[in-house]
Amino acid sequence: MAHAETLDAHGDSATHHASANLAHHFDNLEQQREAGSLGMWLFLVTEIMFFGGLFTGYIIYRTQRPQAFAIASSTLNWKLGAVNTVVLIVSSLTMALAVYFAQMGSRRMQIIFLVATMLLGATFLVVKGFEYADKFEHHHFPGLNFQWNEAVPAGVSTHHIQMFYWIYFAMTGLHALHMIIGIGAMLFLIFYAYRGRYTPEYHAPVELTGLYWHFVDIVWIFLFPLLYLLGAHLTHGGGGGH
């Protein structure tokens, strides 16, 4: 009898938890989760189109000025870029594990891997900050103060080199902004995970944030070779930045 009462109490608690997380315009949590997933995928499609426009611009200018782009690319620190690539790949793993433990209902492990993902994302941004600082120090930020003190081959203009930096800062800057947004979302996830909001029945916010984070990681997987490895074979700047 006591066992039956315990089961009933557990069932009532699960029902209450489900109703607390169910929006009024959905019939059940599964329908709500599917709607959220569809919304996230539609959002990611718009993001793909957005970044696709930037990649298209990169391809056009690189095709027109391959030598200038290679020279400018050779000043980037490809070793730091490679480190950041590894950092993001590992962060995708920790994010996937956070989703897994949310599905399993393990609050502690879920929080641990969310924090790990957030710290890895912060590490990426710190490394990127050092890269940006180096470019500002050498006046390689495009604009009125842009300077290029190295010799350039015939037919290559510093304006063409500056165009590479316009694209570099636009693409990596927007990528960094997306990472900051992702880290902010994880702060909320950690807060609500600590309060026990996410269970095997309700963990859609963790899954959707995971989709977003994986997308941001994939964008970097394309950015790294296109921006950093284009001129890695050149000796200019040591092939690894100043």
C-alpha atoms as a PDB file:
ATOM      1  CA  MET A   1       0.000   0.000   0.000  1.00  0.00           C
ATOM      2  CA  ALA A   2       2.805   2.398   0.936  1.00  0.00           C
ATOM      3  CA  HIS A   3       4.639   1.495  -2.290  1.00  0.00           C
ATOM      4  CA  ALA A   4       1.538   2.285  -4.333  1.00  0.00           C
ATOM      5  CA  GLU A   5       1.168   5.632  -2.571  1.00  0.00           C
ATOM      6  CA  THR A   6       4.809   6.415  -3.356  1.00  0.00           C
ATOM      7  CA  LEU A   7       4.269   5.620  -7.028  1.00  0.00           C
ATOM      8  CA  ASP A   8       1.149   7.773  -7.085  1.00  0.00           C
ATOM      9  CA  ALA A   9       3.021  10.646  -5.468  1.00  0.00           C
ATOM     10  CA  HIS A  10       5.835  10.306  -8.002  1.00  0.00           C
ATOM     11  CA  GLY A  11       3.353  10.265 -10.853  1.00  0.00           C
ATOM     12  CA  ASP A  12       1.585  13.343  -9.500  1.00  0.00           C
ATOM     13  CA  SER A  13       4.946  15.137  -9.193  1.00  0.00           C
ATOM     14  CA  ALA A  14       5.925  14.264 -12.779  1.00  0.00           C
ATOM     15  CA  THR A  15       2.532  15.416 -14.032  1.00  0.00           C
ATOM     16  CA  HIS A  16       2.865  18.698 -12.138  1.00  0.00           C
ATOM     17  CA  HIS A  17       6.389  19.210 -13.510  1.00  0.00           C
ATOM     18  CA  ALA A  18       5.213  18.559 -17.049  1.00  0.00           C
ATOM     19  CA  SER A  19       2.263  20.955 -16.753  1.00  0.00           C
ATOM     20  CA  ALA A  20       4.537  23.650 -15.305  1.00  0.00           C
ATOM     21  CA  ASN A  21       6.766  23.526 -18.405  1.00  0.00           C
ATOM     22  CA  LEU A  22       3.976  23.131 -20.968  1.00  0.00           C
ATOM     23  CA  ALA A  23       2.912  26.290 -22.779  1.00  0.00           C
ATOM     24  CA  HIS A  24      -0.843  26.747 -22.880  1.00  0.00           C
ATOM     25  CA  HIS A  25      -1.066  26.563 -26.679  1.00  0.00           C
ATOM     26  CA  PHE A  26       0.415  23.039 -26.866  1.00  0.00           C
ATOM     27  CA  ASP A  27      -1.363  19.768 -26.114  1.00  0.00           C
ATOM     28  CA  ASN A  28       1.672  18.001 -24.647  1.00  0.00           C
ATOM     29  CA  LEU A  29       5.431  18.294 -24.143  1.00  0.00           C
ATOM     30  CA  GLU A  30       6.237  16.236 -27.235  1.00  0.00           C
ATOM     31  CA  GLN A  31       4.293  18.594 -29.464  1.00  0.00           C
ATOM     32  CA  GLN A  32       6.005  21.527 -27.776  1.00  0.00           C
ATOM     33  CA  ARG A  33       9.440  19.950 -28.293  1.00  0.00           C
ATOM     34  CA  GLU A  34       8.778  19.303 -31.993  1.00  0.00           C
ATOM     35  CA  ALA A  35       7.611  22.881 -32.500  1.00  0.00           C
ATOM     36  CA  GLY A  36      10.738  24.181 -30.764  1.00  0.00           C
ATOM     37  CA  SER A  37      12.987  21.972 -32.898  1.00  0.00           C
ATOM     38  CA  LEU A  38      11.289  23.151 -36.082  1.00  0.00           C
ATOM     39  CA  GLY A  39      11.717  26.765 -35.009  1.00  0.00           C
ATOM     40  CA  MET A  40      15.405  26.256 -34.255  1.00  0.00           C
ATOM     41  CA  TRP A  41      16.049  24.542 -37.594  1.00  0.00           C
ATOM     42  CA  LEU A  42      14.302  27.386 -39.436  1.00  0.00           C
ATOM     43  CA  PHE A  43      16.451  29.855 -37.519  1.00  0.00           C
ATOM     44  CA  LEU A  44      19.602  27.923 -38.408  1.00  0.00           C
ATOM     45  CA  VAL A  45      18.578  27.966 -42.086  1.00  0.00           C
ATOM     46  CA  THR A  46      18.475  31.765 -41.966  1.00  0.00           C
ATOM     47  CA  GLU A  47      21.888  31.727 -40.277  1.00  0.00           C
ATOM     48  CA  ILE A  48      23.258  29.486 -43.017  1.00  0.00           C
ATOM     49  CA  MET A  49      21.971  31.952 -45.614  1.00  0.00           C
ATOM     50  CA  PHE A  50      23.527  34.832 -43.680  1.00  0.00           C
ATOM     51  CA  PHE A  51      26.951  33.259 -43.348  1.00  0.00           C
ATOM     52  CA  GLY A  52      26.591  31.883 -46.877  1.00  0.00           C
ATOM     53  CA  GLY A  53      26.503  35.450 -48.179  1.00  0.00           C
ATOM     54  CA  LEU A  54      29.753  36.211 -46.348  1.00  0.00           C
ATOM     55  CA  PHE A  55      31.389  33.046 -47.686  1.00  0.00           C
ATOM     56  CA  THR A  56      30.252  33.969 -51.204  1.00  0.00           C
ATOM     57  CA  GLY A  57      31.829  37.407 -50.866  1.00  0.00           C
ATOM     58  CA  TYR A  58      35.028  35.785 -49.631  1.00  0.00           C
ATOM     59  CA  ILE A  59      35.147  33.418 -52.613  1.00  0.00           C
ATOM     60  CA  ILE A  60      34.559  36.231 -55.113  1.00  0.00           C
ATOM     61  CA  TYR A  61      37.291  38.486 -53.741  1.00  0.00           C
ATOM     62  CA  ARG A  62      39.692  35.610 -53.198  1.00  0.00           C
ATOM     63  CA  THR A  63      39.217  34.515 -56.813  1.00  0.00           C
ATOM     64  CA  GLN A  64      39.904  38.049 -58.019  1.00  0.00           C
ATOM     65  CA  ARG A  65      42.890  38.731 -55.738  1.00  0.00           C
ATOM     66  CA  PRO A  66      44.385  35.355 -54.752  1.00  0.00           C
ATOM     67  CA  GLN A  67      47.912  36.630 -54.167  1.00  0.00           C
ATOM     68  CA  ALA A  68      46.831  39.538 -51.957  1.00  0.00           C
ATOM     69  CA  PHE A  69      44.613  37.256 -49.898  1.00  0.00           C
ATOM     70  CA  ALA A  70      47.400  34.706 -49.455  1.00  0.00           C
ATOM     71  CA  ILE A  71      49.818  37.412 -48.293  1.00  0.00           C
ATOM     72  CA  ALA A  72      47.323  38.799 -45.791  1.00  0.00           C
ATOM     73  CA  SER A  73      46.381  35.312 -44.596  1.00  0.00           C
ATOM     74  CA  SER A  74      50.019  34.531 -43.887  1.00  0.00           C
ATOM     75  CA  THR A  75      50.017  37.139 -41.103  1.00  0.00           C
ATOM     76  CA  LEU A  76      47.375  35.235 -39.163  1.00  0.00           C
ATOM     77  CA  ASN A  77      48.563  32.932 -36.419  1.00  0.00           C
ATOM     78  CA  TRP A  78      47.423  29.565 -37.767  1.00  0.00           C
ATOM     79  CA  LYS A  79      48.688  27.796 -34.652  1.00  0.00           C
ATOM     80  CA  LEU A  80      46.299  29.759 -32.443  1.00  0.00           C
ATOM     81  CA  GLY A  81      43.594  29.120 -35.015  1.00  0.00           C
ATOM     82  CA  ALA A  82      44.303  25.395 -34.796  1.00  0.00           C
ATOM     83  CA  VAL A  83      44.166  25.499 -30.992  1.00  0.00           C
ATOM     84  CA  ASN A  84      40.790  27.214 -31.172  1.00  0.00           C
ATOM     85  CA  THR A  85      39.584  24.590 -33.646  1.00  0.00           C
ATOM     86  CA  VAL A  86      40.432  21.822 -31.179  1.00  0.00           C
ATOM     87  CA  VAL A  87      38.784  23.789 -28.365  1.00  0.00           C
ATOM     88  CA  LEU A  88      35.529  24.052 -30.305  1.00  0.00           C
ATOM     89  CA  ILE A  89      35.548  20.403 -31.349  1.00  0.00           C
ATOM     90  CA  VAL A  90      35.913  19.393 -27.698  1.00  0.00           C
ATOM     91  CA  SER A  91      33.157  21.847 -26.751  1.00  0.00           C
ATOM     92  CA  SER A  92      30.817  20.123 -29.204  1.00  0.00           C
ATOM     93  CA  LEU A  93      31.523  16.853 -27.380  1.00  0.00           C
ATOM     94  CA  THR A  94      30.857  18.356 -23.948  1.00  0.00           C
ATOM     95  CA  MET A  95      27.649  19.966 -25.243  1.00  0.00           C
ATOM     96  CA  ALA A  96      26.477  16.620 -26.621  1.00  0.00           C
ATOM     97  CA  LEU A  97      27.193  15.031 -23.236  1.00  0.00           C
ATOM     98  CA  ALA A  98      25.230  17.784 -21.493  1.00  0.00           C
ATOM     99  CA  VAL A  99      22.243  16.986 -23.710  1.00  0.00           C
ATOM    100  CA  TYR A 100      22.673  13.269 -23.041  1.00  0.00           C
ATOM    101  CA  PHE A 101      22.705  13.674 -19.256  1.00  0.00           C
ATOM    102  CA  ALA A 102      19.718  16.029 -19.457  1.00  0.00           C
ATOM    103  CA  GLN A 103      17.868  13.236 -21.255  1.00  0.00           C
ATOM    104  CA  MET A 104      18.993  10.788 -18.569  1.00  0.00           C
ATOM    105  CA  GLY A 105      17.891  13.101 -15.782  1.00  0.00           C
ATOM    106  CA  SER A 106      21.343  13.482 -14.192  1.00  0.00           C
ATOM    107  CA  ARG A 107      21.368  17.017 -12.861  1.00  0.00           C
ATOM    108  CA  ARG A 108      24.951  16.952 -11.611  1.00  0.00           C
ATOM    109  CA  MET A 109      26.549  15.632 -14.813  1.00  0.00           C
ATOM    110  CA  GLN A 110      24.376  17.900 -16.909  1.00  0.00           C
ATOM    111  CA  ILE A 111      25.644  20.955 -15.030  1.00  0.00           C
ATOM    112  CA  ILE A 112      29.261  19.767 -15.173  1.00  0.00           C
ATOM    113  CA  PHE A 113      29.236  19.457 -18.965  1.00  0.00           C
ATOM    114  CA  LEU A 114      27.328  22.708 -19.461  1.00  0.00           C
ATOM    115  CA  VAL A 115      29.952  24.502 -17.387  1.00  0.00           C
ATOM    116  CA  ALA A 116      32.726  22.728 -19.327  1.00  0.00           C
ATOM    117  CA  THR A 117      31.192  23.823 -22.631  1.00  0.00           C
ATOM    118  CA  MET A 118      30.865  27.388 -21.413  1.00  0.00           C
ATOM    119  CA  LEU A 119      34.488  27.470 -20.226  1.00  0.00           C
ATOM    120  CA  LEU A 120      35.721  26.089 -23.537  1.00  0.00           C
ATOM    121  CA  GLY A 121      33.733  28.755 -25.365  1.00  0.00           C
ATOM    122  CA  ALA A 122      35.254  31.419 -23.110  1.00  0.00           C
ATOM    123  CA  THR A 123      38.719  29.994 -23.828  1.00  0.00           C
ATOM    124  CA  PHE A 124      38.067  30.356 -27.547  1.00  0.00           C
ATOM    125  CA  LEU A 125      37.088  34.008 -27.087  1.00  0.00           C
ATOM    126  CA  VAL A 126      40.179  34.759 -24.983  1.00  0.00           C
ATOM    127  CA  VAL A 127      42.455  33.295 -27.653  1.00  0.00           C
ATOM    128  CA  LYS A 128      40.586  35.255 -30.312  1.00  0.00           C
ATOM    129  CA  GLY A 129      41.046  38.376 -28.188  1.00  0.00           C
ATOM    130  CA  PHE A 130      44.825  37.900 -28.258  1.00  0.00           C
ATOM    131  CA  GLU A 131      44.674  37.549 -32.036  1.00  0.00           C
ATOM    132  CA  TYR A 132      42.645  40.723 -32.395  1.00  0.00           C
ATOM    133  CA  ALA A 133      45.016  42.610 -30.080  1.00  0.00           C
ATOM    134  CA  ASP A 134      47.933  41.616 -32.305  1.00  0.00           C
ATOM    135  CA  LYS A 135      46.143  42.918 -35.391  1.00  0.00           C
ATOM    136  CA  PHE A 136      45.344  46.240 -33.708  1.00  0.00           C
ATOM    137  CA  GLU A 137      48.946  46.541 -32.514  1.00  0.00           C
ATOM    138  CA  HIS A 138      50.221  46.192 -36.072  1.00  0.00           C
ATOM    139  CA  HIS A 139      47.479  48.460 -37.476  1.00  0.00           C
ATOM    140  CA  HIS A 140      45.943  45.671 -39.521  1.00  0.00           C
ATOM    141  CA  PHE A 141      42.389  46.596 -38.621  1.00  0.00           C
ATOM    142  CA  PRO A 142      40.857  47.912 -41.856  1.00  0.00           C
ATOM    143  CA  GLY A 143      40.035  51.586 -41.977  1.00  0.00           C
ATOM    144  CA  LEU A 144      41.761  54.955 -41.913  1.00  0.00           C
ATOM    145  CA  ASN A 145      44.544  53.745 -39.610  1.00  0.00           C
ATOM    146  CA  PHE A 146      45.352  50.619 -41.627  1.00  0.00           C
ATOM    147  CA  GLN A 147      49.080  50.208 -42.299  1.00  0.00           C
ATOM    148  CA  TRP A 148      51.047  47.696 -44.305  1.00  0.00           C
ATOM    149  CA  ASN A 149      54.799  48.094 -43.906  1.00  0.00           C
ATOM    150  CA  GLU A 150      55.842  44.943 -45.736  1.00  0.00           C
ATOM    151  CA  ALA A 151      56.871  44.823 -49.375  1.00  0.00           C
ATOM    152  CA  VAL A 152      54.235  43.549 -51.786  1.00  0.00           C
ATOM    153  CA  PRO A 153      54.740  41.933 -55.199  1.00  0.00           C
ATOM    154  CA  ALA A 154      53.958  43.809 -58.389  1.00  0.00           C
ATOM    155  CA  GLY A 155      50.262  43.900 -59.117  1.00  0.00           C
ATOM    156  CA  VAL A 156      49.271  43.568 -55.453  1.00  0.00           C
ATOM    157  CA  SER A 157      47.764  46.600 -53.765  1.00  0.00           C
ATOM    158  CA  THR A 158      47.482  47.241 -50.035  1.00  0.00           C
ATOM    159  CA  HIS A 159      43.807  47.953 -50.723  1.00  0.00           C
ATOM    160  CA  HIS A 160      43.434  44.340 -51.831  1.00  0.00           C
ATOM    161  CA  ILE A 161      45.215  43.175 -48.682  1.00  0.00           C
ATOM    162  CA  GLN A 162      42.947  45.381 -46.584  1.00  0.00           C
ATOM    163  CA  MET A 163      39.920  43.734 -48.186  1.00  0.00           C
ATOM    164  CA  PHE A 164      41.028  40.415 -46.707  1.00  0.00           C
ATOM    165  CA  TYR A 165      41.049  41.967 -43.253  1.00  0.00           C
ATOM    166  CA  TRP A 166      37.591  43.422 -43.786  1.00  0.00           C
ATOM    167  CA  ILE A 167      36.315  39.928 -44.483  1.00  0.00           C
ATOM    168  CA  TYR A 168      38.392  38.387 -41.686  1.00  0.00           C
ATOM    169  CA  PHE A 169      37.070  40.735 -39.017  1.00  0.00           C
ATOM    170  CA  ALA A 170      33.499  40.579 -40.325  1.00  0.00           C
ATOM    171  CA  MET A 171      33.346  36.784 -40.365  1.00  0.00           C
ATOM    172  CA  THR A 172      35.280  36.041 -37.186  1.00  0.00           C
ATOM    173  CA  GLY A 173      33.631  38.948 -35.348  1.00  0.00           C
ATOM    174  CA  LEU A 174      30.132  37.724 -36.165  1.00  0.00           C
ATOM    175  CA  HIS A 175      31.166  34.214 -35.244  1.00  0.00           C
ATOM    176  CA  ALA A 176      32.473  35.460 -31.885  1.00  0.00           C
ATOM    177  CA  LEU A 177      29.179  37.307 -31.328  1.00  0.00           C
ATOM    178  CA  HIS A 178      27.272  34.058 -31.901  1.00  0.00           C
ATOM    179  CA  MET A 179      29.533  32.363 -29.360  1.00  0.00           C
ATOM    180  CA  ILE A 180      28.869  35.061 -26.770  1.00  0.00           C
ATOM    181  CA  ILE A 181      25.136  34.541 -27.281  1.00  0.00           C
ATOM    182  CA  GLY A 182      25.605  30.783 -26.865  1.00  0.00           C
ATOM    183  CA  ILE A 183      27.559  31.237 -23.640  1.00  0.00           C
ATOM    184  CA  GLY A 184      24.832  33.529 -22.335  1.00  0.00           C
ATOM    185  CA  ALA A 185      22.217  30.882 -23.111  1.00  0.00           C
ATOM    186  CA  MET A 186      24.253  28.316 -21.178  1.00  0.00           C
ATOM    187  CA  LEU A 187      24.237  30.531 -18.103  1.00  0.00           C
ATOM    188  CA  PHE A 188      20.453  30.296 -18.095  1.00  0.00           C
ATOM    189  CA  LEU A 189      20.602  26.535 -18.697  1.00  0.00           C
ATOM    190  CA  ILE A 190      22.969  26.053 -15.760  1.00  0.00           C
ATOM    191  CA  PHE A 191      20.722  28.146 -13.505  1.00  0.00           C
ATOM    192  CA  TYR A 192      17.587  26.175 -14.386  1.00  0.00           C
ATOM    193  CA  ALA A 193      19.427  22.846 -14.378  1.00  0.00           C
ATOM    194  CA  TYR A 194      20.566  23.589 -10.831  1.00  0.00           C
ATOM    195  CA  ARG A 195      16.934  24.155  -9.896  1.00  0.00           C
ATOM    196  CA  GLY A 196      16.050  20.780 -11.373  1.00  0.00           C
ATOM    197  CA  ARG A 197      13.929  22.055 -14.235  1.00  0.00           C
ATOM    198  CA  TYR A 198      15.269  19.675 -16.874  1.00  0.00           C
ATOM    199  CA  THR A 199      14.190  16.050 -16.673  1.00  0.00           C
ATOM    200  CA  PRO A 200      13.923  13.086 -19.071  1.00  0.00           C
ATOM    201  CA  GLU A 201      10.417  14.370 -19.839  1.00  0.00           C
ATOM    202  CA  TYR A 202      11.413  18.008 -20.374  1.00  0.00           C
ATOM    203  CA  HIS A 203      14.865  18.997 -21.642  1.00  0.00           C
ATOM    204  CA  ALA A 204      14.088  20.737 -24.954  1.00  0.00           C
ATOM    205  CA  PRO A 205      15.978  23.978 -24.082  1.00  0.00           C
ATOM    206  CA  VAL A 206      19.195  21.996 -23.614  1.00  0.00           C
ATOM    207  CA  GLU A 207      18.710  20.180 -26.940  1.00  0.00           C
ATOM    208  CA  LEU A 208      17.956  23.386 -28.839  1.00  0.00           C
ATOM    209  CA  THR A 209      20.954  25.187 -27.358  1.00  0.00           C
ATOM    210  CA  GLY A 210      23.038  22.169 -28.356  1.00  0.00           C
ATOM    211  CA  LEU A 211      21.882  22.497 -31.969  1.00  0.00           C
ATOM    212  CA  TYR A 212      22.817  26.165 -31.960  1.00  0.00           C
ATOM    213  CA  TRP A 213      26.241  25.472 -30.439  1.00  0.00           C
ATOM    214  CA  HIS A 214      27.027  22.739 -32.962  1.00  0.00           C
ATOM    215  CA  PHE A 215      26.121  25.126 -35.788  1.00  0.00           C
ATOM    216  CA  VAL A 216      28.513  27.771 -34.436  1.00  0.00           C
ATOM    217  CA  ASP A 217      31.253  25.142 -34.215  1.00  0.00           C
ATOM    218  CA  ILE A 218      30.652  23.999 -37.796  1.00  0.00           C
ATOM    219  CA  VAL A 219      30.938  27.576 -39.064  1.00  0.00           C
ATOM    220  CA  TRP A 220      34.385  27.807 -37.486  1.00  0.00           C
ATOM    221  CA  ILE A 221      35.426  24.519 -39.087  1.00  0.00           C
ATOM    222  CA  PHE A 222      34.961  26.290 -42.441  1.00  0.00           C
ATOM    223  CA  LEU A 223      36.451  29.611 -41.339  1.00  0.00           C
ATOM    224  CA  PHE A 224      39.715  28.139 -40.085  1.00  0.00           C
ATOM    225  CA  PRO A 225      41.054  26.690 -43.369  1.00  0.00           C
ATOM    226  CA  LEU A 226      39.644  29.480 -45.539  1.00  0.00           C
ATOM    227  CA  LEU A 227      41.162  32.295 -43.491  1.00  0.00           C
ATOM    228  CA  TYR A 228      44.156  30.795 -41.687  1.00  0.00           C
ATOM    229  CA  LEU A 229      45.553  28.127 -44.005  1.00  0.00           C
ATOM    230  CA  LEU A 230      45.256  30.076 -47.259  1.00  0.00           C
ATOM    231  CA  GLY A 231      48.680  31.673 -46.796  1.00  0.00           C
ATOM    232  CA  ALA A 232      50.241  29.264 -44.300  1.00  0.00           C
ATOM    233  CA  HIS A 233      52.756  28.117 -46.913  1.00  0.00           C
ATOM    234  CA  LEU A 234      54.243  31.601 -47.198  1.00  0.00           C
ATOM    235  CA  THR A 235      57.118  32.716 -44.992  1.00  0.00           C
ATOM    236  CA  HIS A 236      55.712  36.221 -44.542  1.00  0.00           C
ATOM    237  CA  GLY A 237      55.314  36.887 -40.839  1.00  0.00           C
ATOM    238  CA  GLY A 238      56.739  33.467 -40.077  1.00  0.00           C
ATOM    239  CA  GLY A 239      53.583  31.804 -41.362  1.00  0.00           C
ATOM    240  CA  GLY A 240      52.173  32.135 -37.896  1.00  0.00           C
ATOM    241  CA  GLY A 241      51.438  35.782 -37.304  1.00  0.00           C
ATOM    242  CA  HIS A 242      53.623  38.524 -35.966  1.00  0.00           C
END
